[in-house]
C-alpha atoms as a PDB file:
ATOM      1  CA  MET A   1      17.007   1.074   8.043  1.00  0.00           C
ATOM      2  CA  LYS A   2      15.909  -1.500   5.477  1.00  0.00           C
ATOM      3  CA  THR A   3      13.916   0.235   2.766  1.00  0.00           C
ATOM      4  CA  LYS A   4      13.027  -0.771  -0.778  1.00  0.00           C
ATOM      5  CA  ARG A   5      13.428   2.445  -2.751  1.00  0.00           C
ATOM      6  CA  TYR A   6      11.818   2.978  -6.141  1.00  0.00           C
ATOM      7  CA  ASN A   7      12.693   5.413  -8.880  1.00  0.00           C
ATOM      8  CA  ILE A   8       9.190   6.460  -9.880  1.00  0.00           C
ATOM      9  CA  LYS A   9       8.961   9.354 -12.320  1.00  0.00           C
ATOM     10  CA  GLY A  10       7.212  12.337 -10.825  1.00  0.00           C
ATOM     11  CA  SER A  11       8.116  11.463  -7.238  1.00  0.00           C
ATOM     12  CA  SER A  12      10.984  12.869  -5.189  1.00  0.00           C
ATOM     13  CA  VAL A  13      11.038   9.836  -2.886  1.00  0.00           C
ATOM     14  CA  SER A  14       9.126   6.555  -2.966  1.00  0.00           C
ATOM     15  CA  GLY A  15       9.519   3.149  -1.386  1.00  0.00           C
ATOM     16  CA  ILE A  16       8.495   0.748   1.337  1.00  0.00           C
ATOM     17  CA  THR A  17      10.194   0.060   4.648  1.00  0.00           C
ATOM     18  CA  MET A  18      11.054  -3.517   5.561  1.00  0.00           C
ATOM     19  CA  LYS A  19      11.428  -5.478   8.784  1.00  0.00           C
ATOM     20  CA  ASP A  20      14.787  -4.870  10.458  1.00  0.00           C
ATOM     21  CA  PRO A  21      15.768  -6.756  13.641  1.00  0.00           C
ATOM     22  CA  HIS A  22      18.430  -4.145  14.393  1.00  0.00           C
ATOM     23  CA  LEU A  23      15.880  -1.362  14.955  1.00  0.00           C
ATOM     24  CA  PRO A  24      13.278  -0.828  17.689  1.00  0.00           C
ATOM     25  CA  GLU A  25      10.240  -3.067  17.202  1.00  0.00           C
ATOM     26  CA  GLU A  26      12.077  -4.497  14.172  1.00  0.00           C
ATOM     27  CA  ASN A  27      11.383  -1.265  12.260  1.00  0.00           C
ATOM     28  CA  ASN A  28       7.649  -1.242  12.860  1.00  0.00           C
ATOM     29  CA  LEU A  29       6.278   2.104  11.614  1.00  0.00           C
ATOM     30  CA  ALA A  30       2.650   1.817  12.765  1.00  0.00           C
ATOM     31  CA  LEU A  31       1.246   3.454  15.877  1.00  0.00           C
ATOM     32  CA  HIS A  32      -1.961   1.423  15.600  1.00  0.00           C
ATOM     33  CA  ALA A  33      -0.084  -1.907  15.758  1.00  0.00           C
ATOM     34  CA  CYS A  34       2.765  -1.576  18.222  1.00  0.00           C
ATOM     35  CA  LEU A  35       3.883  -2.385  21.757  1.00  0.00           C
ATOM     36  CA  ASP A  36       5.980   0.745  22.183  1.00  0.00           C
ATOM     37  CA  SER A  37       4.757   3.942  20.535  1.00  0.00           C
ATOM     38  CA  ALA A  38       7.990   5.738  21.409  1.00  0.00           C
ATOM     39  CA  ALA A  39       9.920   3.147  19.388  1.00  0.00           C
ATOM     40  CA  VAL A  40       7.627   3.649  16.410  1.00  0.00           C
ATOM     41  CA  LEU A  41       8.073   7.418  16.586  1.00  0.00           C
ATOM     42  CA  GLU A  42      11.838   6.890  16.714  1.00  0.00           C
ATOM     43  CA  ASN A  43      11.643   4.740  13.590  1.00  0.00           C
ATOM     44  CA  ARG A  44       9.540   7.370  11.849  1.00  0.00           C
ATOM     45  CA  GLU A  45      12.115  10.029  12.724  1.00  0.00           C
ATOM     46  CA  THR A  46      14.917   7.820  11.395  1.00  0.00           C
ATOM     47  CA  LEU A  47      13.079   7.270   8.121  1.00  0.00           C
ATOM     48  CA  ALA A  48      12.158  10.920   7.666  1.00  0.00           C
ATOM     49  CA  THR A  49      15.736  12.048   8.297  1.00  0.00           C
ATOM     50  CA  SER A  50      17.094   9.484   5.825  1.00  0.00           C
ATOM     51  CA  LEU A  51      14.728  10.837   3.164  1.00  0.00           C
ATOM     52  CA  GLY A  52      15.540  14.479   3.899  1.00  0.00           C
ATOM     53  CA  TYR A  53      12.127  15.287   5.376  1.00  0.00           C
ATOM     54  CA  SER A  54      10.607  15.986   8.770  1.00  0.00           C
ATOM     55  CA  THR A  55       8.238  13.545  10.475  1.00  0.00           C
ATOM     56  CA  THR A  56       5.549  16.218  10.237  1.00  0.00           C
ATOM     57  CA  ASP A  57       5.856  16.272   6.427  1.00  0.00           C
ATOM     58  CA  PHE A  58       4.089  12.885   6.430  1.00  0.00           C
ATOM     59  CA  VAL A  59       0.342  12.269   6.231  1.00  0.00           C
ATOM     60  CA  TYR A  60      -1.281   9.066   7.506  1.00  0.00           C
ATOM     61  CA  ALA A  61      -4.746   7.543   7.345  1.00  0.00           C
ATOM     62  CA  ASN A  62      -6.687   5.405   9.774  1.00  0.00           C
ATOM     63  CA  GLN A  63      -7.046   2.360   7.514  1.00  0.00           C
ATOM     64  CA  THR A  64     -10.238   0.303   7.737  1.00  0.00           C
ATOM     65  CA  HIS A  65     -10.068  -1.964   4.648  1.00  0.00           C
ATOM     66  CA  SER A  66     -12.446   0.448   2.929  1.00  0.00           C
ATOM     67  CA  SER A  67     -12.637   1.675  -0.651  1.00  0.00           C
ATOM     68  CA  ASN A  68     -12.354   5.299   0.508  1.00  0.00           C
ATOM     69  CA  PHE A  69      -9.692   7.716  -0.728  1.00  0.00           C
ATOM     70  CA  HIS A  70      -8.715  11.252   0.254  1.00  0.00           C
ATOM     71  CA  LYS A  71      -7.099  14.111  -1.655  1.00  0.00           C
ATOM     72  CA  VAL A  72      -4.332  15.412   0.607  1.00  0.00           C
ATOM     73  CA  THR A  73      -3.464  19.112   0.737  1.00  0.00           C
ATOM     74  CA  HIS A  74      -1.081  21.105   2.898  1.00  0.00           C
ATOM     75  CA  ALA A  75      -3.955  21.585   5.345  1.00  0.00           C
ATOM     76  CA  ASP A  76      -3.539  17.855   6.135  1.00  0.00           C
ATOM     77  CA  ILE A  77       0.215  17.893   6.622  1.00  0.00           C
ATOM     78  CA  GLY A  78       1.319  16.107   9.781  1.00  0.00           C
ATOM     79  CA  ARG A  79      -1.986  14.279  10.299  1.00  0.00           C
ATOM     80  CA  GLY A  80      -1.294  10.999  12.091  1.00  0.00           C
ATOM     81  CA  ALA A  81       2.426  11.788  12.267  1.00  0.00           C
ATOM     82  CA  THR A  82       2.784  11.756  16.040  1.00  0.00           C
ATOM     83  CA  GLU A  83      -0.560  10.384  17.218  1.00  0.00           C
ATOM     84  CA  GLN A  84      -3.071   8.047  15.616  1.00  0.00           C
ATOM     85  CA  ALA A  85      -6.036  10.173  16.655  1.00  0.00           C
ATOM     86  CA  THR A  86      -5.194  12.876  14.100  1.00  0.00           C
ATOM     87  CA  ALA A  87      -4.897  10.489  11.128  1.00  0.00           C
ATOM     88  CA  ILE A  88      -7.394  10.882   8.276  1.00  0.00           C
ATOM     89  CA  PRO A  89     -10.324   8.655   9.301  1.00  0.00           C
ATOM     90  CA  ASP A  90     -11.754   5.634   7.476  1.00  0.00           C
ATOM     91  CA  THR A  91      -9.453   5.932   4.469  1.00  0.00           C
ATOM     92  CA  ASP A  92      -7.257   3.431   2.614  1.00  0.00           C
ATOM     93  CA  ALA A  93      -5.834   5.516  -0.234  1.00  0.00           C
ATOM     94  CA  LEU A  94      -4.257   8.955  -0.359  1.00  0.00           C
ATOM     95  CA  TYR A  95      -3.276  11.123  -3.291  1.00  0.00           C
ATOM     96  CA  THR A  96      -1.986  14.646  -3.716  1.00  0.00           C
ATOM     97  CA  THR A  97      -1.181  17.245  -6.336  1.00  0.00           C
ATOM     98  CA  GLU A  98       0.976  19.236  -3.939  1.00  0.00           C
ATOM     99  CA  ILE A  99       4.745  19.142  -3.558  1.00  0.00           C
ATOM    100  CA  GLY A 100       6.533  18.226  -0.351  1.00  0.00           C
ATOM    101  CA  ILE A 101       3.875  16.038   1.290  1.00  0.00           C
ATOM    102  CA  VAL A 102       4.902  12.447   2.010  1.00  0.00           C
ATOM    103  CA  LEU A 103       1.911  10.132   1.705  1.00  0.00           C
ATOM    104  CA  ALA A 104       2.077   6.965   3.815  1.00  0.00           C
ATOM    105  CA  GLY A 105       0.240   3.657   4.028  1.00  0.00           C
ATOM    106  CA  PHE A 106       0.723   0.591   6.242  1.00  0.00           C
ATOM    107  CA  MET A 107       0.866  -3.071   5.243  1.00  0.00           C
ATOM    108  CA  ALA A 108       1.509  -6.506   6.738  1.00  0.00           C
ATOM    109  CA  ASP A 109       0.533  -8.914   3.890  1.00  0.00           C
ATOM    110  CA  CYS A 110      -1.832  -6.444   2.200  1.00  0.00           C
ATOM    111  CA  VAL A 111      -0.880  -5.083  -1.207  1.00  0.00           C
ATOM    112  CA  PRO A 112       0.803  -1.653  -1.253  1.00  0.00           C
ATOM    113  CA  VAL A 113       0.308   0.356  -4.424  1.00  0.00           C
ATOM    114  CA  LEU A 114       2.412   3.400  -5.240  1.00  0.00           C
ATOM    115  CA  LEU A 115       1.369   5.440  -8.244  1.00  0.00           C
ATOM    116  CA  SER A 116       2.522   8.539 -10.041  1.00  0.00           C
ATOM    117  CA  ASN A 117       1.406  10.550 -13.033  1.00  0.00           C
ATOM    118  CA  GLU A 118       4.252  12.910 -13.747  1.00  0.00           C
ATOM    119  CA  ARG A 119       2.498  15.011 -16.385  1.00  0.00           C
ATOM    120  CA  ALA A 120      -0.586  15.522 -14.196  1.00  0.00           C
ATOM    121  CA  GLY A 121       1.554  16.163 -11.118  1.00  0.00           C
ATOM    122  CA  ILE A 122      -0.120  13.499  -8.981  1.00  0.00           C
ATOM    123  CA  VAL A 123       1.176  10.785  -6.658  1.00  0.00           C
ATOM    124  CA  GLY A 124      -0.731   8.335  -4.495  1.00  0.00           C
ATOM    125  CA  VAL A 125      -0.526   5.379  -2.135  1.00  0.00           C
ATOM    126  CA  ILE A 126      -3.116   2.604  -1.759  1.00  0.00           C
ATOM    127  CA  HIS A 127      -3.599  -0.046   0.945  1.00  0.00           C
ATOM    128  CA  SER A 128      -5.310  -2.975  -0.789  1.00  0.00           C
ATOM    129  CA  GLY A 129      -5.863  -5.951   1.465  1.00  0.00           C
ATOM    130  CA  TRP A 130      -8.164  -8.603   0.051  1.00  0.00           C
ATOM    131  CA  GLN A 131     -11.172  -6.639   1.274  1.00  0.00           C
ATOM    132  CA  GLY A 132      -9.928  -3.483  -0.439  1.00  0.00           C
ATOM    133  CA  THR A 133      -9.273  -5.463  -3.609  1.00  0.00           C
ATOM    134  CA  VAL A 134     -12.789  -6.917  -3.811  1.00  0.00           C
ATOM    135  CA  LYS A 135     -14.166  -3.435  -3.039  1.00  0.00           C
ATOM    136  CA  GLU A 136     -11.980  -2.239  -5.938  1.00  0.00           C
ATOM    137  CA  ILE A 137     -10.231   0.571  -4.111  1.00  0.00           C
ATOM    138  CA  THR A 138      -7.510   0.776  -6.780  1.00  0.00           C
ATOM    139  CA  THR A 139     -10.109   0.839  -9.552  1.00  0.00           C
ATOM    140  CA  ASN A 140     -12.117   3.525  -7.741  1.00  0.00           C
ATOM    141  CA  LEU A 141      -9.139   5.809  -7.173  1.00  0.00           C
ATOM    142  CA  LEU A 142      -7.861   5.435 -10.736  1.00  0.00           C
ATOM    143  CA  LYS A 143     -11.340   6.143 -12.130  1.00  0.00           C
ATOM    144  CA  HIS A 144     -11.489   9.311 -10.026  1.00  0.00           C
ATOM    145  CA  LEU A 145      -8.028  10.441 -11.127  1.00  0.00           C
ATOM    146  CA  ILE A 146      -8.833   9.807 -14.773  1.00  0.00           C
ATOM    147  CA  GLU A 147     -12.284  11.387 -14.754  1.00  0.00           C
ATOM    148  CA  GLN A 148     -11.952  14.176 -12.170  1.00  0.00           C
ATOM    149  CA  GLU A 149      -8.226  15.002 -12.184  1.00  0.00           C
ATOM    150  CA  ARG A 150      -7.949  14.549 -15.974  1.00  0.00           C
ATOM    151  CA  CYS A 151      -5.094  12.041 -15.801  1.00  0.00           C
ATOM    152  CA  LEU A 152      -4.285   9.973 -18.878  1.00  0.00           C
ATOM    153  CA  PRO A 153      -4.084   6.243 -17.989  1.00  0.00           C
ATOM    154  CA  VAL A 154      -1.066   5.675 -20.246  1.00  0.00           C
ATOM    155  CA  GLU A 155       0.922   8.238 -18.228  1.00  0.00           C
ATOM    156  CA  PHE A 156       0.656   6.428 -14.893  1.00  0.00           C
ATOM    157  CA  GLU A 157       3.578   4.543 -13.394  1.00  0.00           C
ATOM    158  CA  VAL A 158       2.610   1.968 -10.753  1.00  0.00           C
ATOM    159  CA  VAL A 159       4.621  -0.094  -8.279  1.00  0.00           C
ATOM    160  CA  ILE A 160       2.913  -2.979  -6.486  1.00  0.00           C
ATOM    161  CA  GLY A 161       4.991  -3.733  -3.406  1.00  0.00           C
ATOM    162  CA  PRO A 162       5.733  -6.813  -1.277  1.00  0.00           C
ATOM    163  CA  ALA A 163       2.648  -8.701  -0.093  1.00  0.00           C
ATOM    164  CA  LEU A 164       1.330 -12.126   0.854  1.00  0.00           C
ATOM    165  CA  SER A 165       2.050 -14.542  -1.999  1.00  0.00           C
ATOM    166  CA  GLN A 166      -0.546 -16.732  -3.685  1.00  0.00           C
ATOM    167  CA  ASP A 167       0.991 -19.790  -2.035  1.00  0.00           C
ATOM    168  CA  LYS A 168       0.358 -18.341   1.437  1.00  0.00           C
ATOM    169  CA  PHE A 169      -2.929 -16.540   0.725  1.00  0.00           C
ATOM    170  CA  GLU A 170      -5.170 -19.527   1.486  1.00  0.00           C
ATOM    171  CA  VAL A 171      -8.927 -18.880   1.779  1.00  0.00           C
ATOM    172  CA  ASP A 172     -12.289 -20.594   2.000  1.00  0.00           C
ATOM    173  CA  HIS A 173     -15.172 -20.455  -0.447  1.00  0.00           C
ATOM    174  CA  ASP A 174     -16.657 -17.277   1.033  1.00  0.00           C
ATOM    175  CA  VAL A 175     -13.594 -15.201   0.130  1.00  0.00           C
ATOM    176  CA  TYR A 176     -13.226 -16.989  -3.208  1.00  0.00           C
ATOM    177  CA  ASP A 177     -16.797 -15.972  -4.066  1.00  0.00           C
ATOM    178  CA  LYS A 178     -15.994 -12.300  -3.487  1.00  0.00           C
ATOM    179  CA  PHE A 179     -13.063 -12.459  -5.917  1.00  0.00           C
ATOM    180  CA  HIS A 180     -15.006 -14.602  -8.404  1.00  0.00           C
ATOM    181  CA  VAL A 181     -17.811 -12.056  -8.788  1.00  0.00           C
ATOM    182  CA  LEU A 182     -15.289  -9.423  -9.892  1.00  0.00           C
ATOM    183  CA  GLY A 183     -15.270 -11.205 -13.246  1.00  0.00           C
ATOM    184  CA  TYR A 184     -11.558 -10.828 -13.923  1.00  0.00           C
ATOM    185  CA  ALA A 185      -9.754 -12.467 -10.967  1.00  0.00           C
ATOM    186  CA  GLU A 186     -10.192 -16.099 -11.980  1.00  0.00           C
ATOM    187  CA  PRO A 187      -6.787 -16.428 -13.740  1.00  0.00           C
ATOM    188  CA  TRP A 188      -5.151 -15.605 -10.400  1.00  0.00           C
ATOM    189  CA  ILE A 189      -7.081 -18.168  -8.339  1.00  0.00           C
ATOM    190  CA  SER A 190      -6.147 -21.829  -7.860  1.00  0.00           C
ATOM    191  CA  PHE A 191      -7.857 -24.610  -5.911  1.00  0.00           C
ATOM    192  CA  ASN A 192      -6.103 -27.190  -3.734  1.00  0.00           C
ATOM    193  CA  ALA A 193      -8.281 -30.308  -3.807  1.00  0.00           C
ATOM    194  CA  LYS A 194      -6.386 -31.911  -0.915  1.00  0.00           C
ATOM    195  CA  THR A 195      -7.080 -29.052   1.506  1.00  0.00           C
ATOM    196  CA  GLY A 196     -10.277 -27.739  -0.035  1.00  0.00           C
ATOM    197  CA  LYS A 197      -8.758 -24.253  -0.003  1.00  0.00           C
ATOM    198  CA  TYR A 198      -8.420 -21.581  -2.641  1.00  0.00           C
ATOM    199  CA  HIS A 199      -5.189 -19.651  -3.225  1.00  0.00           C
ATOM    200  CA  ILE A 200      -5.377 -16.119  -4.606  1.00  0.00           C
ATOM    201  CA  ASP A 201      -2.655 -13.872  -6.036  1.00  0.00           C
ATOM    202  CA  ASN A 202      -3.836 -10.520  -4.695  1.00  0.00           C
ATOM    203  CA  GLN A 203      -0.965  -8.651  -6.336  1.00  0.00           C
ATOM    204  CA  LYS A 204      -1.952  -9.933  -9.785  1.00  0.00           C
ATOM    205  CA  VAL A 205      -5.608  -9.075  -9.223  1.00  0.00           C
ATOM    206  CA  VAL A 206      -4.604  -5.506  -8.330  1.00  0.00           C
ATOM    207  CA  LYS A 207      -2.373  -5.415 -11.396  1.00  0.00           C
ATOM    208  CA  THR A 208      -5.342  -6.490 -13.513  1.00  0.00           C
ATOM    209  CA  GLN A 209      -7.402  -3.667 -12.001  1.00  0.00           C
ATOM    210  CA  CYS A 210      -4.725  -1.217 -13.117  1.00  0.00           C
ATOM    211  CA  GLU A 211      -4.659  -2.703 -16.621  1.00  0.00           C
ATOM    212  CA  LEU A 212      -8.456  -2.579 -16.916  1.00  0.00           C
ATOM    213  CA  ALA A 213      -8.244   1.119 -16.003  1.00  0.00           C
ATOM    214  CA  GLY A 214      -6.028   1.582 -19.055  1.00  0.00           C
ATOM    215  CA  ILE A 215      -2.567   1.572 -17.511  1.00  0.00           C
ATOM    216  CA  PRO A 216      -0.116  -0.202 -19.840  1.00  0.00           C
ATOM    217  CA  THR A 217       1.318  -3.445 -18.464  1.00  0.00           C
ATOM    218  CA  ALA A 218       4.817  -2.096 -19.140  1.00  0.00           C
ATOM    219  CA  ASN A 219       4.118   0.728 -16.657  1.00  0.00           C
ATOM    220  CA  ILE A 220       3.355  -1.653 -13.778  1.00  0.00           C
ATOM    221  CA  THR A 221       6.041  -3.271 -11.611  1.00  0.00           C
ATOM    222  CA  ILE A 222       5.422  -6.021  -9.039  1.00  0.00           C
ATOM    223  CA  ASN A 223       7.845  -6.708  -6.189  1.00  0.00           C
ATOM    224  CA  PRO A 224       7.923 -10.533  -5.761  1.00  0.00           C
ATOM    225  CA  ILE A 225       8.782 -10.557  -2.030  1.00  0.00           C
ATOM    226  CA  CYS A 226       6.291 -12.579   0.025  1.00  0.00           C
ATOM    227  CA  THR A 227       5.784 -10.921   3.388  1.00  0.00           C
ATOM    228  CA  PHE A 228       5.040 -14.298   5.002  1.00  0.00           C
ATOM    229  CA  GLN A 229       8.049 -16.169   3.611  1.00  0.00           C
ATOM    230  CA  SER A 230      10.690 -13.431   3.708  1.00  0.00           C
ATOM    231  CA  ASP A 231      12.680 -12.545   6.815  1.00  0.00           C
ATOM    232  CA  ASP A 232      12.251  -8.913   5.712  1.00  0.00           C
ATOM    233  CA  GLY A 233       8.462  -9.100   5.885  1.00  0.00           C
ATOM    234  CA  PHE A 234       5.866  -8.304   8.526  1.00  0.00           C
ATOM    235  CA  SER A 235       3.060 -10.849   8.177  1.00  0.00           C
ATOM    236  CA  TYR A 236      -0.245 -10.555  10.022  1.00  0.00           C
ATOM    237  CA  ARG A 237      -1.226 -14.011   8.774  1.00  0.00           C
ATOM    238  CA  GLN A 238       1.909 -15.497  10.312  1.00  0.00           C
ATOM    239  CA  ASP A 239       1.883 -13.390  13.484  1.00  0.00           C
ATOM    240  CA  LYS A 240      -1.172 -11.427  14.597  1.00  0.00           C
ATOM    241  CA  GLN A 241       1.149  -9.184  16.662  1.00  0.00           C
ATOM    242  CA  ALA A 242       3.176  -8.228  13.594  1.00  0.00           C
ATOM    243  CA  GLY A 243       4.309  -4.672  12.986  1.00  0.00           C
ATOM    244  CA  ARG A 244       3.724  -2.851   9.714  1.00  0.00           C
ATOM    245  CA  HIS A 245       5.680  -1.795   6.666  1.00  0.00           C
ATOM    246  CA  MET A 246       5.238   1.779   5.508  1.00  0.00           C
ATOM    247  CA  ALA A 247       4.721   2.489   1.807  1.00  0.00           C
ATOM    248  CA  PHE A 248       5.527   6.133   1.048  1.00  0.00           C
ATOM    249  CA  ILE A 249       5.650   8.533  -1.873  1.00  0.00           C
ATOM    250  CA  CYS A 250       6.105  12.292  -2.320  1.00  0.00           C
ATOM    251  CA  ARG A 251       5.953  14.702  -5.249  1.00  0.00           C
END
């Protein structure tokens, strides 16, 4: 199973699965975007076993491109693991202070964010599509962790995973306007006069959100893989029937 693994301090396992033509549904991990749910469950079992966990150690959310986050406890363990109906509703970011729970998020061009604060004993996963970015889901979760969970910004480690590149993230003026009003995204926006389209680097905007929250640039890593251009990527923009990568992290 193709998986990008990360060595994030404070996490026992962390990474993101990649497209793999040798596995069922090309290693699609999402029940909400599949043709064969049995194949997805098989892939989830394969991943869990490879990480040394059970499929029911994972917790999933029903993602809606919101700015909502949820603090996961052992009472949530297994939610969404075998059926979508039990996933945490209307949520696009998960975090936990508890050991042994694997937090999961799904992406196909959207920006995956994995974060850890080893001293505070917190890990989290964020699904930040362009709608989540302009709603500042990463900013909102970090503000909560800093203010309510007493995390120090300088102690976070953040990985921003594979996503749609600026070259392929082509939008019209309506989406540009939403990024423009943020007040800090402009350096990551270009305009193509020939096509009349704007191109936005969503990964860099999310990185800027982390920096504005006080996280040192040196503590933030960006994976340069473009999910549209890479054979290892699921891309909704390229194929509306695309499967999903799973970003995961566990204390």
